[in-house]
Amino acid sequence: MLDRYLTIKGYGETEIEINRSRFICYVERAETEEMAQSFIAGIKKKHWDATHNCSAYLIGETDHIQKADDDGEPSGTAGKPILEVLKKNHVKDCVVVVTRYFGGIKLGAGGLIRAYGKGASAALRAGQVVERVLHDRLSIRIDYTFLGKVENALRSQQEVILEEIAYTDAVTVHVLVPKGKDSTFVEWMTDLTSGQAVVTKGDNHYVEFPFGKELQEDEA
């Protein structure tokens, strides 16, 4: 599992107009090729009367599954620029479809490449790019006398996510710590409680955070 990677938060849809042609831009998260193909098929069914439904997807930790489809546009002018936008922005497990309704003005090869690249970027913005960061779930068992001190300390740590506090004969605090930082966290908690905390490690899973940087468009 990757410690962190970028993907799309979820379904997004937006529309842009370039020289009277309508470009309806769609995006969805797709963790398998089957999911990507199903999404593309759904858009094609919805827009059966469109001039073109061009698409691309990038799937897998190493981007080993990727495909671009021009759907009738000149070779390399639609699917490829969509795929290049995904690659330049390092977005994984993502499928984009840009539907075009021709407006009567030909764009030329360069114009098409720019238009579909712009459409792909618009789709990513609509679906919201997020960073998924792998976290370890840790459980901290402490005496009630340490609760206030530990809780205040945890809430002051930006990287640590306080999930839940369970109250029984003792207090068990469940937190999420970024992968690879669990040892440092245990040392910190041990010092904080003078060695009285018992920390156990559970499973791990991804936590999603908004990605605030500007997206890169295809410059071809």
Foldseek 3Di string as FASTA:
>chain_A
DDQKAKAFQAWFWDWDADPQKIKIKIKGFAQDVVRQVVVLVVVCVVPVVFPAKWKKAFYDPVSPDIDTDPRPDPPPQARVQLVVLCVQQRYYRMMMIITIHDRPDDLPSVRSSQVNLVSSLVNRVRRFMKMWGKWWKKKKWAAPVCVVVVVVVQVVDPQKAFDDWDDDNTIITIIIHTPPCVVVVVVVVCVSRVNGIDMDIDGMDIDIDGDDDRGDTDPD
